[in-house]
Amino acid sequence: MDIFTSQPFLGGAAVALGLFGYFFYVRGILQGKVKPHTFTWFVWGLLTTIAFFAQIAAGGGAGAWVTGVTALFSFGFAAVGLGASSRVFIAKSDWIFFTSTLLTVPIWYFTGNLLWSVIIITIIDLVAFIPTFRKAFFNPETENGWTYALSGLKFVVSLFALENFTWTTALYPMSLVIANLAFVLMLVWRKYSRKVVI
C-alpha cells in the first residue's frame, strides 16, 4: 500500500487541514473580526465527541482522528463565544434551536443502535448550524470562509481515511462536507454582495 493512500497518512492529513483551517479562525478571533456563535460550537463539540466515540466503536480508525480534534477545538471556540462581543449576535430563535438540540441529544443514547445514533447526531448537528448560519447571513464579516472550506475538505479526506467504510462511520463526515460547502457558498455570496473580504 502506498504511504500517501494509507489510512494513517490520510487521517493525519485530515487533522492537518483542520488545524490549518482553525489557524484562520483563531487569527480572526484575535483580530476581533470573527465572532464564534457559542451555541453552535458547544453543540458541535458535544456531538463530535459522541460521533468520535461512535466512529471508534464502529472501527473508523484513523478516519476518526479528525472528529476527535474537531471536538476539542469546538469546545474552545464555544468558550470564546461566551465573550460579550460574540453574545450580541445571539437571537431569541437561537435559544430555541439550542434548547431543542440539547433536549434531543439524549435520544441517541437510548437508540441502542450505532447507525441510528449517528443519524440522530447528524440531524442535531445540522440544526445546531442554524444559529451560525443566521448570524453569518446577516453579519458575514463575523465568520471566516477559509475555516469552513478547509473543514469541509478535511472531512472529505477523513472519508478516505476510514478503515471501515459504513453508513455508521461515513454519514456524519459526509453531512459535514455538504453543510460546510453550503455555508461557504452562502458566506461568499453574502460577503461579495456586501464587498467584505473573505
N, C-alpha and C. Protein backbone atom coordinates (compact mmCIF):
# COMPACT_ATOMS: atom_id res chain seq x y z
N MET A 1 0.85 -1.19 0.00
CA MET A 1 0.00 0.00 0.00
C MET A 1 0.89 1.25 0.00
N ASP A 2 0.55 2.20 -0.83
CA ASP A 2 1.29 3.46 -0.92
C ASP A 2 1.08 4.25 0.37
N ILE A 3 2.18 4.80 0.90
CA ILE A 3 2.11 5.56 2.16
C ILE A 3 1.13 6.72 2.07
N PHE A 4 1.01 7.33 0.87
CA PHE A 4 0.16 8.50 0.71
C PHE A 4 -1.32 8.16 0.60
N THR A 5 -1.63 6.89 0.45
CA THR A 5 -3.04 6.49 0.42
C THR A 5 -3.39 5.62 1.63
N SER A 6 -2.46 5.49 2.55
CA SER A 6 -2.73 4.69 3.75
C SER A 6 -3.67 5.46 4.68
N GLN A 7 -4.45 4.74 5.44
CA GLN A 7 -5.40 5.38 6.35
C GLN A 7 -4.73 6.29 7.38
N PRO A 8 -3.61 5.87 7.99
CA PRO A 8 -2.97 6.78 8.95
C PRO A 8 -2.48 8.07 8.31
N PHE A 9 -1.94 7.99 7.09
CA PHE A 9 -1.48 9.20 6.41
C PHE A 9 -2.66 10.12 6.12
N LEU A 10 -3.74 9.54 5.58
CA LEU A 10 -4.92 10.35 5.25
C LEU A 10 -5.56 10.92 6.52
N GLY A 11 -5.58 10.12 7.59
CA GLY A 11 -6.12 10.62 8.86
C GLY A 11 -5.31 11.80 9.37
N GLY A 12 -3.98 11.69 9.27
CA GLY A 12 -3.10 12.79 9.68
C GLY A 12 -3.27 14.00 8.80
N ALA A 13 -3.45 13.77 7.49
CA ALA A 13 -3.65 14.89 6.55
C ALA A 13 -4.95 15.62 6.86
N ALA A 14 -5.99 14.87 7.21
CA ALA A 14 -7.27 15.50 7.56
C ALA A 14 -7.12 16.36 8.81
N VAL A 15 -6.39 15.86 9.79
CA VAL A 15 -6.14 16.64 11.01
C VAL A 15 -5.35 17.90 10.67
N ALA A 16 -4.33 17.77 9.81
CA ALA A 16 -3.51 18.93 9.43
C ALA A 16 -4.35 19.98 8.72
N LEU A 17 -5.24 19.55 7.82
CA LEU A 17 -6.14 20.50 7.15
C LEU A 17 -7.03 21.22 8.16
N GLY A 18 -7.53 20.46 9.13
CA GLY A 18 -8.37 21.06 10.16
C GLY A 18 -7.62 22.09 10.97
N LEU A 19 -6.40 21.76 11.37
CA LEU A 19 -5.59 22.70 12.15
C LEU A 19 -5.27 23.95 11.34
N PHE A 20 -5.01 23.78 10.05
CA PHE A 20 -4.75 24.93 9.18
C PHE A 20 -5.98 25.82 9.10
N GLY A 21 -7.16 25.20 8.97
CA GLY A 21 -8.40 25.98 8.95
C GLY A 21 -8.64 26.71 10.26
N TYR A 22 -8.33 26.05 11.37
CA TYR A 22 -8.51 26.69 12.67
C TYR A 22 -7.55 27.86 12.87
N PHE A 23 -6.39 27.81 12.20
CA PHE A 23 -5.45 28.93 12.25
C PHE A 23 -6.15 30.21 11.79
N PHE A 24 -6.88 30.13 10.67
CA PHE A 24 -7.58 31.31 10.15
C PHE A 24 -8.65 31.79 11.13
N TYR A 25 -9.32 30.84 11.77
CA TYR A 25 -10.39 31.20 12.70
C TYR A 25 -9.81 31.87 13.95
N VAL A 26 -8.75 31.28 14.49
CA VAL A 26 -8.11 31.86 15.68
C VAL A 26 -7.55 33.23 15.36
N ARG A 27 -6.92 33.37 14.20
CA ARG A 27 -6.38 34.67 13.80
C ARG A 27 -7.50 35.70 13.72
N GLY A 28 -8.64 35.31 13.12
CA GLY A 28 -9.78 36.22 13.03
C GLY A 28 -10.33 36.61 14.39
N ILE A 29 -10.34 35.66 15.32
CA ILE A 29 -10.80 35.95 16.68
C ILE A 29 -9.86 36.95 17.34
N LEU A 30 -8.55 36.71 17.22
CA LEU A 30 -7.56 37.59 17.84
C LEU A 30 -7.59 38.99 17.24
N GLN A 31 -7.97 39.08 15.95
CA GLN A 31 -8.08 40.39 15.29
C GLN A 31 -9.41 41.07 15.61
N GLY A 32 -10.29 40.37 16.30
CA GLY A 32 -11.59 40.94 16.65
C GLY A 32 -12.60 40.89 15.52
N LYS A 33 -12.32 40.13 14.47
CA LYS A 33 -13.23 40.05 13.32
C LYS A 33 -14.20 38.88 13.45
N VAL A 34 -13.70 37.71 13.80
CA VAL A 34 -14.53 36.51 13.89
C VAL A 34 -15.18 36.44 15.26
N LYS A 35 -16.48 36.19 15.25
CA LYS A 35 -17.27 36.09 16.49
C LYS A 35 -17.97 34.73 16.51
N PRO A 36 -17.37 33.73 17.14
CA PRO A 36 -18.00 32.40 17.14
C PRO A 36 -19.33 32.41 17.88
N HIS A 37 -20.29 31.68 17.33
CA HIS A 37 -21.59 31.56 17.99
C HIS A 37 -21.48 30.43 19.01
N THR A 38 -21.53 30.77 20.27
CA THR A 38 -21.27 29.80 21.34
C THR A 38 -22.23 28.62 21.32
N PHE A 39 -23.49 28.83 20.94
CA PHE A 39 -24.45 27.73 20.92
C PHE A 39 -24.04 26.68 19.89
N THR A 40 -23.75 27.13 18.68
CA THR A 40 -23.37 26.21 17.62
C THR A 40 -22.11 25.44 18.00
N TRP A 41 -21.09 26.15 18.43
CA TRP A 41 -19.81 25.50 18.72
C TRP A 41 -19.91 24.54 19.91
N PHE A 42 -20.73 24.87 20.91
CA PHE A 42 -20.89 23.96 22.05
C PHE A 42 -21.56 22.67 21.61
N VAL A 43 -22.64 22.80 20.86
CA VAL A 43 -23.35 21.60 20.39
C VAL A 43 -22.44 20.79 19.47
N TRP A 44 -21.70 21.48 18.60
CA TRP A 44 -20.75 20.76 17.74
C TRP A 44 -19.72 20.01 18.56
N GLY A 45 -19.22 20.63 19.62
CA GLY A 45 -18.25 19.95 20.48
C GLY A 45 -18.84 18.69 21.10
N LEU A 46 -20.06 18.81 21.60
CA LEU A 46 -20.74 17.68 22.21
C LEU A 46 -20.97 16.56 21.19
N LEU A 47 -21.48 16.95 20.02
CA LEU A 47 -21.82 15.95 19.00
C LEU A 47 -20.60 15.30 18.39
N THR A 48 -19.56 16.09 18.13
CA THR A 48 -18.36 15.48 17.54
C THR A 48 -17.68 14.55 18.54
N THR A 49 -17.82 14.83 19.82
CA THR A 49 -17.30 13.91 20.83
C THR A 49 -18.05 12.57 20.75
N ILE A 50 -19.38 12.64 20.67
CA ILE A 50 -20.19 11.43 20.56
C ILE A 50 -19.87 10.71 19.25
N ALA A 51 -19.81 11.47 18.15
CA ALA A 51 -19.52 10.87 16.84
C ALA A 51 -18.15 10.21 16.83
N PHE A 52 -17.18 10.85 17.47
CA PHE A 52 -15.83 10.29 17.54
C PHE A 52 -15.85 8.91 18.20
N PHE A 53 -16.52 8.80 19.34
CA PHE A 53 -16.56 7.51 20.03
C PHE A 53 -17.38 6.49 19.24
N ALA A 54 -18.42 6.94 18.53
CA ALA A 54 -19.20 6.02 17.69
C ALA A 54 -18.35 5.51 16.53
N GLN A 55 -17.56 6.42 15.92
CA GLN A 55 -16.68 6.01 14.82
C GLN A 55 -15.63 5.01 15.31
N ILE A 56 -15.05 5.28 16.48
CA ILE A 56 -14.05 4.37 17.04
C ILE A 56 -14.68 3.01 17.31
N ALA A 57 -15.88 3.01 17.89
CA ALA A 57 -16.57 1.75 18.21
C ALA A 57 -16.91 0.96 16.95
N ALA A 58 -17.15 1.68 15.83
CA ALA A 58 -17.51 1.02 14.58
C ALA A 58 -16.28 0.72 13.72
N GLY A 59 -15.08 0.94 14.25
CA GLY A 59 -13.86 0.61 13.52
C GLY A 59 -13.39 1.68 12.56
N GLY A 60 -13.72 2.93 12.82
CA GLY A 60 -13.33 4.03 11.93
C GLY A 60 -11.84 4.29 11.87
N GLY A 61 -11.10 3.92 12.92
CA GLY A 61 -9.65 4.06 12.93
C GLY A 61 -9.16 5.48 12.70
N ALA A 62 -8.17 5.62 11.81
CA ALA A 62 -7.53 6.91 11.55
C ALA A 62 -8.50 7.95 11.00
N GLY A 63 -9.56 7.49 10.36
CA GLY A 63 -10.56 8.42 9.83
C GLY A 63 -11.32 9.15 10.92
N ALA A 64 -11.25 8.63 12.14
CA ALA A 64 -11.95 9.26 13.27
C ALA A 64 -11.10 10.32 13.96
N TRP A 65 -9.80 10.33 13.68
CA TRP A 65 -8.92 11.28 14.37
C TRP A 65 -9.40 12.72 14.23
N VAL A 66 -9.77 13.10 13.00
CA VAL A 66 -10.16 14.48 12.75
C VAL A 66 -11.42 14.85 13.54
N THR A 67 -12.29 13.88 13.76
CA THR A 67 -13.50 14.14 14.53
C THR A 67 -13.15 14.46 15.98
N GLY A 68 -12.19 13.73 16.53
CA GLY A 68 -11.75 14.00 17.90
C GLY A 68 -11.10 15.36 18.05
N VAL A 69 -10.25 15.73 17.10
CA VAL A 69 -9.59 17.05 17.14
C VAL A 69 -10.63 18.15 16.98
N THR A 70 -11.60 17.93 16.10
CA THR A 70 -12.67 18.91 15.89
C THR A 70 -13.45 19.14 17.18
N ALA A 71 -13.70 18.09 17.93
CA ALA A 71 -14.42 18.22 19.20
C ALA A 71 -13.67 19.15 20.16
N LEU A 72 -12.37 18.97 20.26
CA LEU A 72 -11.57 19.80 21.17
C LEU A 72 -11.64 21.28 20.78
N PHE A 73 -11.44 21.56 19.49
CA PHE A 73 -11.48 22.96 19.05
C PHE A 73 -12.88 23.55 19.16
N SER A 74 -13.90 22.73 18.94
CA SER A 74 -15.28 23.23 19.04
C SER A 74 -15.57 23.73 20.44
N PHE A 75 -15.15 22.97 21.45
CA PHE A 75 -15.36 23.42 22.83
C PHE A 75 -14.57 24.70 23.11
N GLY A 76 -13.38 24.81 22.54
CA GLY A 76 -12.59 26.03 22.71
C GLY A 76 -13.27 27.24 22.11
N PHE A 77 -13.80 27.08 20.90
CA PHE A 77 -14.49 28.20 20.25
C PHE A 77 -15.80 28.53 20.96
N ALA A 78 -16.45 27.53 21.53
CA ALA A 78 -17.67 27.79 22.32
C ALA A 78 -17.34 28.67 23.52
N ALA A 79 -16.21 28.40 24.15
CA ALA A 79 -15.79 29.20 25.31
C ALA A 79 -15.51 30.64 24.88
N VAL A 80 -14.85 30.81 23.74
CA VAL A 80 -14.57 32.16 23.23
C VAL A 80 -15.88 32.87 22.91
N GLY A 81 -16.86 32.12 22.40
CA GLY A 81 -18.15 32.70 22.04
C GLY A 81 -18.94 33.23 23.22
N LEU A 82 -18.53 32.87 24.42
CA LEU A 82 -19.20 33.40 25.62
C LEU A 82 -18.85 34.86 25.88
N GLY A 83 -17.82 35.36 25.20
CA GLY A 83 -17.40 36.76 25.38
C GLY A 83 -18.49 37.72 24.95
N ALA A 84 -18.47 38.89 25.54
CA ALA A 84 -19.52 39.89 25.30
C ALA A 84 -19.65 40.27 23.83
N SER A 85 -18.53 40.36 23.11
CA SER A 85 -18.60 40.79 21.71
C SER A 85 -19.29 39.75 20.83
N SER A 86 -19.26 38.48 21.22
CA SER A 86 -19.94 37.44 20.46
C SER A 86 -21.38 37.26 20.90
N ARG A 87 -21.66 37.49 22.18
CA ARG A 87 -23.01 37.28 22.70
C ARG A 87 -24.04 38.20 22.07
N VAL A 88 -23.62 39.35 21.56
CA VAL A 88 -24.59 40.28 20.97
C VAL A 88 -25.25 39.69 19.73
N PHE A 89 -24.67 38.64 19.15
CA PHE A 89 -25.23 38.04 17.94
C PHE A 89 -26.22 36.92 18.23
N ILE A 90 -26.51 36.65 19.50
CA ILE A 90 -27.45 35.60 19.86
C ILE A 90 -28.87 36.15 19.78
N ALA A 91 -29.67 35.53 18.92
CA ALA A 91 -31.07 35.94 18.74
C ALA A 91 -31.98 35.03 19.56
N LYS A 92 -33.22 35.45 19.74
CA LYS A 92 -34.18 34.63 20.50
C LYS A 92 -34.39 33.27 19.84
N SER A 93 -34.42 33.25 18.50
CA SER A 93 -34.61 31.98 17.80
C SER A 93 -33.45 31.03 18.06
N ASP A 94 -32.26 31.58 18.29
CA ASP A 94 -31.09 30.74 18.58
C ASP A 94 -31.29 29.94 19.86
N TRP A 95 -31.96 30.56 20.84
CA TRP A 95 -32.24 29.86 22.09
C TRP A 95 -33.14 28.65 21.84
N ILE A 96 -34.09 28.80 20.92
CA ILE A 96 -34.99 27.69 20.59
C ILE A 96 -34.20 26.54 19.98
N PHE A 97 -33.35 26.86 18.99
CA PHE A 97 -32.55 25.82 18.34
C PHE A 97 -31.59 25.17 19.34
N PHE A 98 -30.97 25.99 20.17
CA PHE A 98 -30.01 25.48 21.15
C PHE A 98 -30.69 24.54 22.14
N THR A 99 -31.82 24.98 22.68
CA THR A 99 -32.55 24.16 23.65
C THR A 99 -33.04 22.87 23.02
N SER A 100 -33.59 22.97 21.80
CA SER A 100 -34.11 21.76 21.15
C SER A 100 -33.00 20.76 20.84
N THR A 101 -31.83 21.27 20.45
CA THR A 101 -30.73 20.33 20.18
C THR A 101 -30.26 19.66 21.47
N LEU A 102 -30.15 20.42 22.54
CA LEU A 102 -29.71 19.83 23.81
C LEU A 102 -30.71 18.80 24.34
N LEU A 103 -32.00 19.09 24.16
CA LEU A 103 -33.02 18.16 24.63
C LEU A 103 -33.07 16.89 23.78
N THR A 104 -32.63 17.01 22.53
CA THR A 104 -32.66 15.87 21.62
C THR A 104 -31.44 14.98 21.76
N VAL A 105 -30.33 15.54 22.21
CA VAL A 105 -29.08 14.78 22.31
C VAL A 105 -29.23 13.46 23.08
N PRO A 106 -29.93 13.44 24.23
CA PRO A 106 -30.02 12.16 24.97
C PRO A 106 -30.71 11.03 24.19
N ILE A 107 -31.49 11.37 23.17
CA ILE A 107 -32.19 10.33 22.40
C ILE A 107 -31.20 9.35 21.78
N TRP A 108 -30.03 9.85 21.33
CA TRP A 108 -29.06 8.96 20.70
C TRP A 108 -28.68 7.82 21.63
N TYR A 109 -28.64 8.10 22.92
CA TYR A 109 -28.20 7.11 23.89
C TYR A 109 -29.17 5.93 23.98
N PHE A 110 -30.44 6.23 23.82
CA PHE A 110 -31.47 5.21 24.01
C PHE A 110 -31.79 4.43 22.73
N THR A 111 -31.15 4.78 21.63
CA THR A 111 -31.44 4.07 20.38
C THR A 111 -30.94 2.64 20.42
N GLY A 112 -29.81 2.43 21.09
CA GLY A 112 -29.26 1.08 21.16
C GLY A 112 -28.69 0.60 19.84
N ASN A 113 -28.55 1.52 18.89
CA ASN A 113 -28.05 1.17 17.56
C ASN A 113 -27.10 2.27 17.11
N LEU A 114 -25.87 1.90 16.77
CA LEU A 114 -24.88 2.92 16.39
C LEU A 114 -25.32 3.74 15.18
N LEU A 115 -25.89 3.07 14.16
CA LEU A 115 -26.29 3.81 12.96
C LEU A 115 -27.36 4.83 13.29
N TRP A 116 -28.39 4.42 14.04
CA TRP A 116 -29.44 5.37 14.40
C TRP A 116 -28.89 6.50 15.27
N SER A 117 -27.93 6.18 16.11
CA SER A 117 -27.28 7.22 16.92
C SER A 117 -26.62 8.25 16.03
N VAL A 118 -25.90 7.77 15.01
CA VAL A 118 -25.21 8.68 14.10
C VAL A 118 -26.21 9.49 13.28
N ILE A 119 -27.31 8.88 12.85
CA ILE A 119 -28.34 9.62 12.10
C ILE A 119 -28.91 10.75 12.96
N ILE A 120 -29.23 10.45 14.20
CA ILE A 120 -29.78 11.46 15.11
C ILE A 120 -28.76 12.57 15.35
N ILE A 121 -27.51 12.18 15.60
CA ILE A 121 -26.45 13.17 15.84
C ILE A 121 -26.26 14.06 14.62
N THR A 122 -26.34 13.46 13.44
CA THR A 122 -26.18 14.23 12.19
C THR A 122 -27.28 15.28 12.06
N ILE A 123 -28.51 14.89 12.32
CA ILE A 123 -29.63 15.83 12.24
C ILE A 123 -29.47 16.95 13.27
N ILE A 124 -29.10 16.59 14.49
CA ILE A 124 -28.91 17.60 15.53
C ILE A 124 -27.80 18.56 15.14
N ASP A 125 -26.72 18.03 14.58
CA ASP A 125 -25.59 18.86 14.16
C ASP A 125 -26.03 19.89 13.12
N LEU A 126 -26.83 19.45 12.16
CA LEU A 126 -27.29 20.37 11.12
C LEU A 126 -28.21 21.44 11.70
N VAL A 127 -29.05 21.07 12.64
CA VAL A 127 -29.92 22.06 13.30
C VAL A 127 -29.07 23.04 14.12
N ALA A 128 -28.01 22.52 14.74
CA ALA A 128 -27.12 23.39 15.54
C ALA A 128 -26.39 24.41 14.67
N PHE A 129 -26.28 24.13 13.37
CA PHE A 129 -25.61 25.04 12.45
C PHE A 129 -26.47 26.29 12.18
N ILE A 130 -27.76 26.18 12.39
CA ILE A 130 -28.69 27.27 12.03
C ILE A 130 -28.34 28.60 12.71
N PRO A 131 -28.04 28.65 14.02
CA PRO A 131 -27.68 29.95 14.61
C PRO A 131 -26.46 30.61 13.95
N THR A 132 -25.44 29.82 13.64
CA THR A 132 -24.26 30.38 12.97
C THR A 132 -24.60 30.79 11.55
N PHE A 133 -25.40 29.99 10.87
CA PHE A 133 -25.81 30.32 9.51
C PHE A 133 -26.58 31.63 9.49
N ARG A 134 -27.53 31.79 10.46
CA ARG A 134 -28.31 33.02 10.54
C ARG A 134 -27.42 34.22 10.84
N LYS A 135 -26.53 34.05 11.81
CA LYS A 135 -25.62 35.14 12.18
C LYS A 135 -24.77 35.57 10.99
N ALA A 136 -24.21 34.58 10.28
CA ALA A 136 -23.33 34.89 9.15
C ALA A 136 -24.10 35.47 7.97
N PHE A 137 -25.36 35.09 7.82
CA PHE A 137 -26.15 35.65 6.73
C PHE A 137 -26.31 37.16 6.91
N PHE A 138 -26.61 37.57 8.13
CA PHE A 138 -26.82 38.99 8.40
C PHE A 138 -25.53 39.73 8.75
N ASN A 139 -24.53 39.02 9.23
CA ASN A 139 -23.24 39.62 9.61
C ASN A 139 -22.10 38.77 9.06
N PRO A 140 -21.93 38.71 7.74
CA PRO A 140 -20.93 37.81 7.15
C PRO A 140 -19.50 38.11 7.57
N GLU A 141 -19.26 39.33 8.01
CA GLU A 141 -17.91 39.70 8.44
C GLU A 141 -17.50 39.01 9.74
N THR A 142 -18.45 38.36 10.42
CA THR A 142 -18.14 37.71 11.70
C THR A 142 -17.71 36.25 11.54
N GLU A 143 -17.56 35.79 10.30
CA GLU A 143 -17.11 34.42 10.07
C GLU A 143 -16.00 34.40 9.04
N ASN A 144 -15.20 33.33 9.07
CA ASN A 144 -14.09 33.17 8.15
C ASN A 144 -14.37 32.00 7.22
N GLY A 145 -14.52 32.28 5.94
CA GLY A 145 -14.85 31.25 4.96
C GLY A 145 -13.80 30.17 4.81
N TRP A 146 -12.53 30.54 4.99
CA TRP A 146 -11.45 29.56 4.83
C TRP A 146 -11.56 28.44 5.86
N THR A 147 -11.96 28.77 7.05
CA THR A 147 -12.09 27.75 8.10
C THR A 147 -13.11 26.70 7.70
N TYR A 148 -14.24 27.14 7.18
CA TYR A 148 -15.30 26.20 6.81
C TYR A 148 -14.96 25.44 5.53
N ALA A 149 -14.29 26.10 4.59
CA ALA A 149 -13.87 25.43 3.36
C ALA A 149 -12.89 24.31 3.69
N LEU A 150 -11.91 24.62 4.54
CA LEU A 150 -10.93 23.60 4.93
C LEU A 150 -11.55 22.53 5.81
N SER A 151 -12.57 22.91 6.57
CA SER A 151 -13.28 21.92 7.38
C SER A 151 -13.99 20.92 6.49
N GLY A 152 -14.65 21.41 5.45
CA GLY A 152 -15.29 20.50 4.50
C GLY A 152 -14.27 19.59 3.84
N LEU A 153 -13.14 20.16 3.44
CA LEU A 153 -12.09 19.39 2.78
C LEU A 153 -11.49 18.34 3.71
N LYS A 154 -11.30 18.70 4.98
CA LYS A 154 -10.71 17.74 5.92
C LYS A 154 -11.61 16.52 6.09
N PHE A 155 -12.93 16.75 6.03
CA PHE A 155 -13.83 15.61 6.18
C PHE A 155 -13.92 14.78 4.90
N VAL A 156 -13.65 15.39 3.74
CA VAL A 156 -13.52 14.59 2.51
C VAL A 156 -12.34 13.64 2.66
N VAL A 157 -11.20 14.18 3.10
CA VAL A 157 -10.01 13.36 3.31
C VAL A 157 -10.26 12.30 4.37
N SER A 158 -10.96 12.67 5.44
CA SER A 158 -11.21 11.71 6.52
C SER A 158 -12.07 10.53 6.04
N LEU A 159 -12.93 10.78 5.05
CA LEU A 159 -13.74 9.69 4.50
C LEU A 159 -12.84 8.63 3.86
N PHE A 160 -11.79 9.08 3.17
CA PHE A 160 -10.86 8.14 2.55
C PHE A 160 -9.97 7.46 3.58
N ALA A 161 -9.86 8.07 4.75
CA ALA A 161 -9.03 7.50 5.82
C ALA A 161 -9.77 6.48 6.66
N LEU A 162 -11.08 6.39 6.49
CA LEU A 162 -11.85 5.43 7.28
C LEU A 162 -11.38 4.01 7.00
N GLU A 163 -11.10 3.28 8.03
CA GLU A 163 -10.64 1.90 7.87
C GLU A 163 -11.81 0.95 7.67
N ASN A 164 -12.98 1.36 8.08
CA ASN A 164 -14.19 0.57 7.90
C ASN A 164 -15.26 1.53 7.40
N PHE A 165 -15.53 1.52 6.09
CA PHE A 165 -16.44 2.49 5.48
C PHE A 165 -17.86 1.93 5.51
N THR A 166 -18.67 2.45 6.43
CA THR A 166 -20.08 2.06 6.55
C THR A 166 -20.90 3.32 6.73
N TRP A 167 -22.21 3.19 6.72
CA TRP A 167 -23.05 4.36 6.99
C TRP A 167 -22.77 4.91 8.38
N THR A 168 -22.47 4.02 9.32
CA THR A 168 -22.21 4.46 10.69
C THR A 168 -20.96 5.32 10.77
N THR A 169 -19.92 4.94 10.04
CA THR A 169 -18.66 5.71 10.10
C THR A 169 -18.64 6.89 9.14
N ALA A 170 -19.42 6.82 8.04
CA ALA A 170 -19.30 7.83 6.98
C ALA A 170 -20.39 8.89 6.96
N LEU A 171 -21.57 8.60 7.48
CA LEU A 171 -22.68 9.55 7.36
C LEU A 171 -22.37 10.91 7.97
N TYR A 172 -21.86 10.92 9.18
CA TYR A 172 -21.59 12.19 9.87
C TYR A 172 -20.59 13.04 9.10
N PRO A 173 -19.40 12.51 8.72
CA PRO A 173 -18.48 13.35 7.96
C PRO A 173 -19.04 13.78 6.60
N MET A 174 -19.84 12.92 5.95
CA MET A 174 -20.43 13.32 4.66
C MET A 174 -21.36 14.51 4.85
N SER A 175 -22.14 14.49 5.93
CA SER A 175 -23.05 15.61 6.18
C SER A 175 -22.28 16.89 6.45
N LEU A 176 -21.11 16.77 7.09
CA LEU A 176 -20.30 17.95 7.38
C LEU A 176 -19.68 18.53 6.12
N VAL A 177 -19.35 17.68 5.17
CA VAL A 177 -18.84 18.16 3.88
C VAL A 177 -19.91 19.02 3.20
N ILE A 178 -21.12 18.50 3.14
CA ILE A 178 -22.22 19.21 2.47
C ILE A 178 -22.58 20.49 3.22
N ALA A 179 -22.69 20.42 4.55
CA ALA A 179 -23.06 21.60 5.34
C ALA A 179 -22.02 22.70 5.23
N ASN A 180 -20.74 22.33 5.30
CA ASN A 180 -19.68 23.33 5.19
C ASN A 180 -19.64 23.96 3.80
N LEU A 181 -19.86 23.15 2.77
CA LEU A 181 -19.89 23.68 1.41
C LEU A 181 -21.03 24.67 1.25
N ALA A 182 -22.21 24.31 1.73
CA ALA A 182 -23.36 25.22 1.65
C ALA A 182 -23.09 26.51 2.40
N PHE A 183 -22.47 26.40 3.57
CA PHE A 183 -22.17 27.59 4.37
C PHE A 183 -21.17 28.49 3.66
N VAL A 184 -20.13 27.90 3.09
CA VAL A 184 -19.11 28.69 2.38
C VAL A 184 -19.72 29.41 1.18
N LEU A 185 -20.56 28.71 0.42
CA LEU A 185 -21.20 29.35 -0.73
C LEU A 185 -22.07 30.52 -0.29
N MET A 186 -22.84 30.34 0.78
CA MET A 186 -23.67 31.43 1.30
C MET A 186 -22.79 32.58 1.77
N LEU A 187 -21.71 32.27 2.47
CA LEU A 187 -20.83 33.29 3.03
C LEU A 187 -20.15 34.10 1.92
N VAL A 188 -19.66 33.40 0.90
CA VAL A 188 -19.03 34.09 -0.23
C VAL A 188 -20.03 35.01 -0.91
N TRP A 189 -21.24 34.51 -1.12
CA TRP A 189 -22.28 35.33 -1.76
C TRP A 189 -22.60 36.56 -0.92
N ARG A 190 -22.77 36.36 0.39
CA ARG A 190 -23.12 37.49 1.26
C ARG A 190 -21.97 38.49 1.37
N LYS A 191 -20.74 37.99 1.49
CA LYS A 191 -19.59 38.89 1.59
C LYS A 191 -19.37 39.63 0.28
N TYR A 192 -19.55 38.94 -0.83
CA TYR A 192 -19.38 39.59 -2.13
C TYR A 192 -20.44 40.67 -2.33
N SER A 193 -21.67 40.35 -1.94
CA SER A 193 -22.75 41.33 -2.12
C SER A 193 -22.56 42.54 -1.21
N ARG A 194 -21.81 42.34 -0.12
CA ARG A 194 -21.54 43.46 0.80
C ARG A 194 -20.11 43.96 0.67
N LYS A 195 -19.36 43.37 -0.27
CA LYS A 195 -17.96 43.76 -0.54
C LYS A 195 -17.09 43.60 0.70
N VAL A 196 -17.25 42.46 1.40
CA VAL A 196 -16.45 42.16 2.58
C VAL A 196 -15.40 41.14 2.19
N VAL A 197 -14.16 41.31 2.65
CA VAL A 197 -13.08 40.37 2.33
C VAL A 197 -13.34 39.06 3.04
N ILE A 198 -13.19 37.93 2.29
CA ILE A 198 -13.48 36.62 2.86
C ILE A 198 -12.50 36.27 3.93
